[in-house]
Amino acid sequence: MYCELLTDTIFVPYTKGAGPVFRLQTYDLNSRDSLGKWRLRYRLHMREGHREYLLFAGDDFSCSPMHGTDSPETTEAVMSFLCLRPGDTDPEYFEGYTKEQMDFAEEHSEALACAVEHWKERQGRICHRCGSLRRNHHPDDSCVEDKT
């Protein structure tokens, strides 16, 4: 089955040399789930030094009908479940994790989630001063908190 590459995003949660770098790729599967939502394939790679390996891969993500398959919101949604760590959800969620995936969840998922937040800010979606979506700002795009 042909899959079109939609996004190829690099996340750098640590300063150079202080930890791994992550790469998320999403692909259009050109199919819909039972609810009519577009299905995506995702691949999350982790690179430490000269070693890179596939951390997560799946064909089980269906994106919101409110967002494009290649939108920042869809990238954020994929990363939100890949960055779950013990304590965020029921322990059963992690039962199928490999040792490498559990090591990631315990050691790097929080830092990666923070990198995703910074990435969202760079996409221009989130105001770094007040945390609100930019589309909720006043027409002159100034921060709501600056108006008080």
C-alpha atoms as a PDB file:
ATOM      1  CA  MET A   1       0.000   0.000   0.000  1.00  0.00           C
ATOM      2  CA  TYR A   2       1.347   3.416  -0.974  1.00  0.00           C
ATOM      3  CA  CYS A   3       1.679   5.898   1.897  1.00  0.00           C
ATOM      4  CA  GLU A   4       2.441   9.555   1.320  1.00  0.00           C
ATOM      5  CA  LEU A   5       4.809  11.285   3.745  1.00  0.00           C
ATOM      6  CA  LEU A   6       2.878  14.134   5.356  1.00  0.00           C
ATOM      7  CA  THR A   7       5.181  15.509   8.030  1.00  0.00           C
ATOM      8  CA  ASP A   8       8.787  15.057   9.086  1.00  0.00           C
ATOM      9  CA  THR A   9       9.384  16.926  12.341  1.00  0.00           C
ATOM     10  CA  ILE A  10      12.517  17.079  14.489  1.00  0.00           C
ATOM     11  CA  PHE A  11      12.209  17.691  18.245  1.00  0.00           C
ATOM     12  CA  VAL A  12      15.296  18.664  20.262  1.00  0.00           C
ATOM     13  CA  PRO A  13      14.381  18.558  23.970  1.00  0.00           C
ATOM     14  CA  TYR A  14      17.963  18.799  25.269  1.00  0.00           C
ATOM     15  CA  THR A  15      20.949  21.006  24.605  1.00  0.00           C
ATOM     16  CA  LYS A  16      23.416  19.567  22.099  1.00  0.00           C
ATOM     17  CA  GLY A  17      25.080  16.461  23.488  1.00  0.00           C
ATOM     18  CA  ALA A  18      22.934  16.336  26.650  1.00  0.00           C
ATOM     19  CA  GLY A  19      20.303  13.893  25.406  1.00  0.00           C
ATOM     20  CA  PRO A  20      18.586  12.328  22.412  1.00  0.00           C
ATOM     21  CA  VAL A  21      16.947  14.012  19.437  1.00  0.00           C
ATOM     22  CA  PHE A  22      13.571  12.774  18.190  1.00  0.00           C
ATOM     23  CA  ARG A  23      12.048  12.618  14.722  1.00  0.00           C
ATOM     24  CA  LEU A  24       8.339  12.113  14.043  1.00  0.00           C
ATOM     25  CA  GLN A  25       7.172  11.155  10.584  1.00  0.00           C
ATOM     26  CA  THR A  26       3.500  10.853   9.678  1.00  0.00           C
ATOM     27  CA  TYR A  27       2.108   9.241   6.547  1.00  0.00           C
ATOM     28  CA  ASP A  28      -1.286   9.338   4.882  1.00  0.00           C
ATOM     29  CA  LEU A  29      -2.707   5.810   4.636  1.00  0.00           C
ATOM     30  CA  ASN A  30      -5.361   7.005   2.169  1.00  0.00           C
ATOM     31  CA  SER A  31      -8.055   5.289   4.212  1.00  0.00           C
ATOM     32  CA  ARG A  32     -10.596   6.156   6.859  1.00  0.00           C
ATOM     33  CA  ASP A  33     -11.538   4.489  10.129  1.00  0.00           C
ATOM     34  CA  SER A  34     -15.052   3.274  11.019  1.00  0.00           C
ATOM     35  CA  LEU A  35     -15.982   6.841  12.071  1.00  0.00           C
ATOM     36  CA  GLY A  36     -14.858   8.344   8.771  1.00  0.00           C
ATOM     37  CA  LYS A  37     -11.673   9.962  10.153  1.00  0.00           C
ATOM     38  CA  TRP A  38      -8.451   9.821   8.126  1.00  0.00           C
ATOM     39  CA  ARG A  39      -5.995   7.165   9.311  1.00  0.00           C
ATOM     40  CA  LEU A  40      -2.299   7.941   9.629  1.00  0.00           C
ATOM     41  CA  ARG A  41       0.868   5.941  10.012  1.00  0.00           C
ATOM     42  CA  TYR A  42       3.417   7.371  12.452  1.00  0.00           C
ATOM     43  CA  ARG A  43       7.049   6.628  13.189  1.00  0.00           C
ATOM     44  CA  LEU A  44       8.970   8.140  16.103  1.00  0.00           C
ATOM     45  CA  HIS A  45      12.751   7.729  15.958  1.00  0.00           C
ATOM     46  CA  MET A  46      15.207   8.467  18.761  1.00  0.00           C
ATOM     47  CA  ARG A  47      18.820   9.347  18.018  1.00  0.00           C
ATOM     48  CA  GLU A  48      21.549   9.365  20.663  1.00  0.00           C
ATOM     49  CA  GLY A  49      25.018  10.058  19.368  1.00  0.00           C
ATOM     50  CA  HIS A  50      25.502   7.920  16.271  1.00  0.00           C
ATOM     51  CA  ARG A  51      22.771   5.446  17.209  1.00  0.00           C
ATOM     52  CA  GLU A  52      19.251   5.928  15.847  1.00  0.00           C
ATOM     53  CA  TYR A  53      16.381   3.526  16.279  1.00  0.00           C
ATOM     54  CA  LEU A  54      12.667   3.309  15.747  1.00  0.00           C
ATOM     55  CA  LEU A  55      10.944   3.863  19.076  1.00  0.00           C
ATOM     56  CA  PHE A  56       7.256   3.757  18.081  1.00  0.00           C
ATOM     57  CA  ALA A  57       5.486   2.861  14.845  1.00  0.00           C
ATOM     58  CA  GLY A  58       1.841   2.327  14.118  1.00  0.00           C
ATOM     59  CA  ASP A  59      -1.054   2.595  11.721  1.00  0.00           C
ATOM     60  CA  ASP A  60      -3.593   3.150  14.472  1.00  0.00           C
ATOM     61  CA  PHE A  61      -3.930   6.941  14.618  1.00  0.00           C
ATOM     62  CA  SER A  62      -7.078   8.629  13.314  1.00  0.00           C
ATOM     63  CA  CYS A  63      -6.897  12.396  13.142  1.00  0.00           C
ATOM     64  CA  SER A  64      -9.582  14.831  14.148  1.00  0.00           C
ATOM     65  CA  PRO A  65     -11.926  15.827  11.330  1.00  0.00           C
ATOM     66  CA  MET A  66     -11.385  19.422  12.486  1.00  0.00           C
ATOM     67  CA  HIS A  67      -7.713  19.415  11.424  1.00  0.00           C
ATOM     68  CA  GLY A  68      -5.807  18.598   8.286  1.00  0.00           C
ATOM     69  CA  THR A  69      -3.779  15.413   8.223  1.00  0.00           C
ATOM     70  CA  ASP A  70      -0.575  17.452   7.847  1.00  0.00           C
ATOM     71  CA  SER A  71      -1.496  20.195  10.346  1.00  0.00           C
ATOM     72  CA  PRO A  72       0.448  21.147  13.486  1.00  0.00           C
ATOM     73  CA  GLU A  73      -2.619  20.113  15.502  1.00  0.00           C
ATOM     74  CA  THR A  74      -2.386  16.571  14.143  1.00  0.00           C
ATOM     75  CA  THR A  75       1.353  16.395  14.884  1.00  0.00           C
ATOM     76  CA  GLU A  76       0.605  17.610  18.403  1.00  0.00           C
ATOM     77  CA  ALA A  77      -2.136  14.988  18.840  1.00  0.00           C
ATOM     78  CA  VAL A  78       0.154  12.129  17.763  1.00  0.00           C
ATOM     79  CA  MET A  79       2.872  13.325  20.127  1.00  0.00           C
ATOM     80  CA  SER A  80       0.420  13.696  23.013  1.00  0.00           C
ATOM     81  CA  PHE A  81      -0.119   9.966  23.242  1.00  0.00           C
ATOM     82  CA  LEU A  82       3.464   9.001  22.381  1.00  0.00           C
ATOM     83  CA  CYS A  83       4.683  11.168  25.294  1.00  0.00           C
ATOM     84  CA  LEU A  84       2.482   9.567  27.942  1.00  0.00           C
ATOM     85  CA  ARG A  85       4.433   8.382  30.978  1.00  0.00           C
ATOM     86  CA  PRO A  86       3.623   6.255  34.001  1.00  0.00           C
ATOM     87  CA  GLY A  87       1.238   8.188  36.209  1.00  0.00           C
ATOM     88  CA  ASP A  88      -0.418   9.976  33.269  1.00  0.00           C
ATOM     89  CA  THR A  89      -2.822   7.113  32.624  1.00  0.00           C
ATOM     90  CA  ASP A  90      -3.657   3.598  33.795  1.00  0.00           C
ATOM     91  CA  PRO A  91      -0.700   1.198  34.156  1.00  0.00           C
ATOM     92  CA  GLU A  92      -2.363  -1.169  31.660  1.00  0.00           C
ATOM     93  CA  TYR A  93      -1.613   1.326  28.895  1.00  0.00           C
ATOM     94  CA  PHE A  94       2.088   0.428  29.147  1.00  0.00           C
ATOM     95  CA  GLU A  95       1.695  -3.380  29.270  1.00  0.00           C
ATOM     96  CA  GLY A  96       2.654  -3.808  25.607  1.00  0.00           C
ATOM     97  CA  TYR A  97       5.681  -1.494  25.795  1.00  0.00           C
ATOM     98  CA  THR A  98       9.140  -2.876  25.065  1.00  0.00           C
ATOM     99  CA  LYS A  99      12.021  -2.214  27.463  1.00  0.00           C
ATOM    100  CA  GLU A 100      13.260   0.601  25.180  1.00  0.00           C
ATOM    101  CA  GLN A 101       9.801   2.191  25.104  1.00  0.00           C
ATOM    102  CA  MET A 102       9.485   2.049  28.906  1.00  0.00           C
ATOM    103  CA  ASP A 103      12.973   3.531  29.283  1.00  0.00           C
ATOM    104  CA  PHE A 104      11.877   6.345  26.971  1.00  0.00           C
ATOM    105  CA  ALA A 105       8.616   6.887  28.874  1.00  0.00           C
ATOM    106  CA  GLU A 106      10.436   7.081  32.204  1.00  0.00           C
ATOM    107  CA  GLU A 107      13.507   9.054  31.092  1.00  0.00           C
ATOM    108  CA  HIS A 108      12.612  11.248  28.105  1.00  0.00           C
ATOM    109  CA  SER A 109       8.863  11.577  27.529  1.00  0.00           C
ATOM    110  CA  GLU A 110       8.446  14.596  29.815  1.00  0.00           C
ATOM    111  CA  ALA A 111      11.314  16.483  28.166  1.00  0.00           C
ATOM    112  CA  LEU A 112       9.958  15.576  24.729  1.00  0.00           C
ATOM    113  CA  ALA A 113       6.469  16.790  25.713  1.00  0.00           C
ATOM    114  CA  CYS A 114       8.042  20.121  26.698  1.00  0.00           C
ATOM    115  CA  ALA A 115       9.842  20.266  23.333  1.00  0.00           C
ATOM    116  CA  VAL A 116       6.492  19.737  21.608  1.00  0.00           C
ATOM    117  CA  GLU A 117       5.078  22.684  23.581  1.00  0.00           C
ATOM    118  CA  HIS A 118       7.976  24.885  22.439  1.00  0.00           C
ATOM    119  CA  TRP A 119       7.459  23.664  18.887  1.00  0.00           C
ATOM    120  CA  LYS A 120       3.786  24.694  19.093  1.00  0.00           C
ATOM    121  CA  GLU A 121       4.855  28.187  20.154  1.00  0.00           C
ATOM    122  CA  ARG A 122       7.157  28.406  17.151  1.00  0.00           C
ATOM    123  CA  GLN A 123       4.239  27.435  14.937  1.00  0.00           C
ATOM    124  CA  GLY A 124       2.621  30.685  16.071  1.00  0.00           C
ATOM    125  CA  ARG A 125      -0.323  28.946  17.678  1.00  0.00           C
ATOM    126  CA  ILE A 126       0.326  29.673  21.345  1.00  0.00           C
ATOM    127  CA  CYS A 127       1.153  33.020  22.929  1.00  0.00           C
ATOM    128  CA  HIS A 128       4.283  32.601  25.044  1.00  0.00           C
ATOM    129  CA  ARG A 129       3.118  35.333  27.434  1.00  0.00           C
ATOM    130  CA  CYS A 130      -0.410  34.205  28.315  1.00  0.00           C
ATOM    131  CA  GLY A 131      -0.642  30.666  26.911  1.00  0.00           C
ATOM    132  CA  SER A 132      -3.809  31.318  24.894  1.00  0.00           C
ATOM    133  CA  LEU A 133      -4.356  30.408  21.269  1.00  0.00           C
ATOM    134  CA  ARG A 134      -3.412  33.326  19.053  1.00  0.00           C
ATOM    135  CA  ARG A 135      -6.797  33.218  17.337  1.00  0.00           C
ATOM    136  CA  ASN A 136      -8.332  34.188  20.704  1.00  0.00           C
ATOM    137  CA  HIS A 137      -6.288  37.393  20.854  1.00  0.00           C
ATOM    138  CA  HIS A 138      -7.598  40.830  20.106  1.00  0.00           C
ATOM    139  CA  PRO A 139      -7.689  41.908  16.448  1.00  0.00           C
ATOM    140  CA  ASP A 140      -4.363  43.725  16.787  1.00  0.00           C
ATOM    141  CA  ASP A 141      -2.849  40.366  17.939  1.00  0.00           C
ATOM    142  CA  SER A 142      -1.677  41.816  21.231  1.00  0.00           C
ATOM    143  CA  CYS A 143      -1.666  39.676  24.328  1.00  0.00           C
ATOM    144  CA  VAL A 144      -4.874  39.795  26.361  1.00  0.00           C
ATOM    145  CA  GLU A 145      -2.781  40.185  29.518  1.00  0.00           C
ATOM    146  CA  ASP A 146      -1.070  43.246  28.021  1.00  0.00           C
ATOM    147  CA  LYS A 147      -4.444  45.023  27.821  1.00  0.00           C
ATOM    148  CA  THR A 148      -4.978  45.064  31.589  1.00  0.00           C
END
